[in-house]
Every structure is written in C-alpha cells, then in structure tokens.
Amino acid sequence: MKALFAVDHIFGRSADGAVFTIGGKFPYPAWQSYLDVFDQLTVVSRAIPLPDPAGQRRSDGPRVDFQLLPARRGIDRLRGIRDARKAIFAAVKQADVVIARLPSETALIACAAARFHGKPLSVVRTFGTTRGVD
C-alpha cells in the first residue's frame, strides 16, 4: 500500500538528486513508523537546491520517495499555486492513502485532492502544544 505524506517542510536537494532534511526534522529514520505500515511513502513538500549538503541528514532512502515543489515565498508562492496544486493532485491520485501534517498549505491541498479522488485521509496536527504549561 502506498501512502502520501504532505507537509510544508523545506527539504534540500543535492546536485545528485539526494534529499536532505533542513533543520533535522525529517531524517530518514523519522519515516520508519510509516514504513512499518505502508509499502511505500511519497513525501510531498517544498525544496531548495542544496549545493553543499555537509552537516545535513539524508531524508530519502529505501521505500521513501519525494515529490518536491519549489520553495516559493511571499507573493511568488501565489504565482506558483496552480502548478503546485496540479502536482499535488497528481501525486495523491497515485497514492492509496493520504497523511496530511497541518498546519500546511501543501497538506491542505492534499486534503482537497484526497476528497476529490476518494482517498482515505489522516490528519496530523502539529500545533497547540502544551509546552511550558503545568
């Protein structure tokens, strides 16, 4: 079974096509809990070119592939929304299930695509932490 994980994390792509997590949030071992359940995981997110990956951790690996969108910012992000939406809808169509990590524009589009294509959807919230609350 193929899962799609949508998130607005910025990954780095090296010249040879390898994918690295920027800031260390999503190294390859982070995908293991999904790989325990699914045969394949496609991560849909944003990326920047990474000319020198020294000090960064690999995020790609066996059974994990990436559909990376340009990491546009500000008004430029709005200009690319049509292309991003088209790419996300196409990726969701190929998946069996969608996992959306919110808050995330990419994940919100993936949610809409999952509904459109009739794919099961799981939403993971990453806001509203209780850190610092006794």
Protein backbone atom coordinates (compact mmCIF):
# COMPACT_ATOMS: atom_id res chain seq x y z
CA MET A 1 0.00 0.00 0.00
CA LYS A 2 1.29 3.45 -0.95
CA ALA A 3 0.96 6.39 1.43
CA LEU A 4 1.46 10.06 0.65
CA PHE A 5 2.72 12.36 3.42
CA ALA A 6 2.07 16.07 2.77
CA VAL A 7 3.92 18.69 4.80
CA ASP A 8 5.28 22.24 4.41
CA HIS A 9 8.82 21.43 5.45
CA ILE A 10 11.62 22.74 3.24
CA PHE A 11 13.92 19.94 2.14
CA GLY A 12 17.19 20.33 0.29
CA ARG A 13 18.02 18.52 -2.93
CA SER A 14 21.67 18.00 -3.78
CA ALA A 15 23.06 18.08 -7.31
CA ASP A 16 22.94 14.27 -7.48
CA GLY A 17 19.23 14.21 -6.53
CA ALA A 18 19.60 13.14 -2.90
CA VAL A 19 17.10 14.69 -0.48
CA PHE A 20 18.15 16.14 2.86
CA THR A 21 16.13 17.47 5.78
CA ILE A 22 16.86 21.12 6.52
CA GLY A 23 16.87 21.71 10.26
CA GLY A 24 16.81 17.99 11.00
CA LYS A 25 13.05 17.45 11.47
CA PHE A 26 12.65 14.65 8.94
CA PRO A 27 15.73 12.43 8.66
CA TYR A 28 15.16 9.03 7.10
CA PRO A 29 14.53 7.26 10.46
CA ALA A 30 11.54 9.59 11.04
CA TRP A 31 9.68 7.71 8.30
CA GLN A 32 10.06 4.30 9.95
CA SER A 33 6.70 4.33 11.74
CA TYR A 34 5.01 4.86 8.36
CA LEU A 35 7.16 2.22 6.67
CA ASP A 36 6.10 -0.26 9.35
CA VAL A 37 2.56 0.06 7.96
CA PHE A 38 2.94 1.06 4.31
CA ASP A 39 4.99 -0.45 1.49
CA GLN A 40 5.93 2.92 0.01
CA LEU A 41 5.88 6.51 1.27
CA THR A 42 5.83 9.53 -1.02
CA VAL A 43 6.59 12.81 0.71
CA VAL A 44 5.11 15.91 -0.92
CA SER A 45 6.73 19.11 0.25
CA ARG A 46 8.89 22.04 -0.79
CA ALA A 47 12.58 22.06 -1.62
CA ILE A 48 15.54 24.28 -2.31
CA PRO A 49 18.74 23.40 -4.15
CA LEU A 50 21.42 22.26 -1.72
CA PRO A 51 24.84 22.72 -3.30
CA ASP A 52 26.70 21.58 -0.18
CA PRO A 53 24.81 19.04 1.96
CA ALA A 54 27.59 18.82 4.55
CA GLY A 55 26.08 18.70 8.03
CA GLN A 56 22.58 17.85 6.78
CA ARG A 57 20.88 14.47 7.30
CA ARG A 58 19.51 12.39 4.44
CA SER A 59 15.76 12.11 4.32
CA ASP A 60 15.36 9.83 1.33
CA GLY A 61 16.06 6.13 1.39
CA PRO A 62 14.56 2.75 0.61
CA ARG A 63 10.77 2.91 0.07
CA VAL A 64 10.67 6.70 0.57
CA ASP A 65 10.47 8.99 -2.43
CA PHE A 66 9.75 12.68 -2.79
CA GLN A 67 7.54 14.90 -4.91
CA LEU A 68 9.24 18.23 -4.25
CA LEU A 69 7.77 21.58 -5.15
CA PRO A 70 9.69 24.85 -5.40
CA ALA A 71 10.07 26.60 -2.05
CA ARG A 72 8.49 29.86 -3.10
CA ARG A 73 7.89 32.65 -0.61
CA GLY A 74 5.57 35.62 -0.38
CA ILE A 75 3.71 36.71 -3.49
CA ASP A 76 5.81 34.36 -5.62
CA ARG A 77 4.16 31.47 -3.76
CA LEU A 78 0.77 32.60 -5.02
CA ARG A 79 2.05 32.72 -8.58
CA GLY A 80 3.03 29.05 -8.37
CA ILE A 81 -0.11 27.76 -6.67
CA ARG A 82 -1.70 26.40 -9.86
CA ASP A 83 1.37 24.29 -10.69
CA ALA A 84 1.67 23.14 -7.07
CA ARG A 85 -2.00 22.17 -6.94
CA LYS A 86 -1.70 20.21 -10.19
CA ALA A 87 1.39 18.33 -8.94
CA ILE A 88 -0.20 17.54 -5.55
CA PHE A 89 -3.44 16.30 -7.12
CA ALA A 90 -1.44 14.04 -9.46
CA ALA A 91 0.62 12.64 -6.57
CA VAL A 92 -2.49 11.98 -4.46
CA LYS A 93 -4.11 10.15 -7.37
CA GLN A 94 -1.21 7.65 -7.30
CA ALA A 95 -1.46 7.05 -3.53
CA ASP A 96 -3.71 4.68 -1.61
CA VAL A 97 -3.92 6.88 1.49
CA VAL A 98 -3.03 10.49 2.34
CA ILE A 99 -1.44 11.72 5.57
CA ALA A 100 -1.64 15.50 5.95
CA ARG A 101 0.55 17.23 8.54
CA LEU A 102 -1.08 20.52 9.47
CA PRO A 103 -0.73 23.45 9.51
CA SER A 104 0.47 23.37 5.93
CA GLU A 105 -0.69 24.78 2.60
CA THR A 106 0.68 21.70 0.87
CA ALA A 107 -1.24 19.43 3.24
CA LEU A 108 -4.46 21.41 2.82
CA ILE A 109 -4.24 20.97 -0.95
CA ALA A 110 -3.54 17.26 -0.40
CA CYS A 111 -6.68 17.06 1.77
CA ALA A 112 -8.74 18.56 -1.05
CA ALA A 113 -7.14 16.15 -3.52
CA ALA A 114 -7.85 13.18 -1.24
CA ARG A 115 -11.53 14.15 -1.06
CA PHE A 116 -11.64 14.67 -4.83
CA HIS A 117 -10.02 11.30 -5.58
CA GLY A 118 -11.88 9.44 -2.80
CA LYS A 119 -8.69 8.53 -0.91
CA PRO A 120 -8.63 7.80 2.83
CA LEU A 121 -7.20 10.75 4.74
CA SER A 122 -5.43 11.06 8.08
CA VAL A 123 -4.70 14.50 9.53
CA VAL A 124 -1.78 15.02 11.91
CA ARG A 125 -1.90 18.29 13.85
CA THR A 126 1.37 19.86 14.95
CA PHE A 127 0.10 22.99 16.66
CA GLY A 128 -1.45 23.71 20.03
CA THR A 129 1.33 22.16 22.08
CA THR A 130 1.24 22.30 25.86
CA ARG A 131 4.94 23.03 26.21
CA GLY A 132 5.57 25.18 29.26
CA VAL A 133 2.12 24.54 30.73
CA ASP A 134 1.97 22.94 34.19
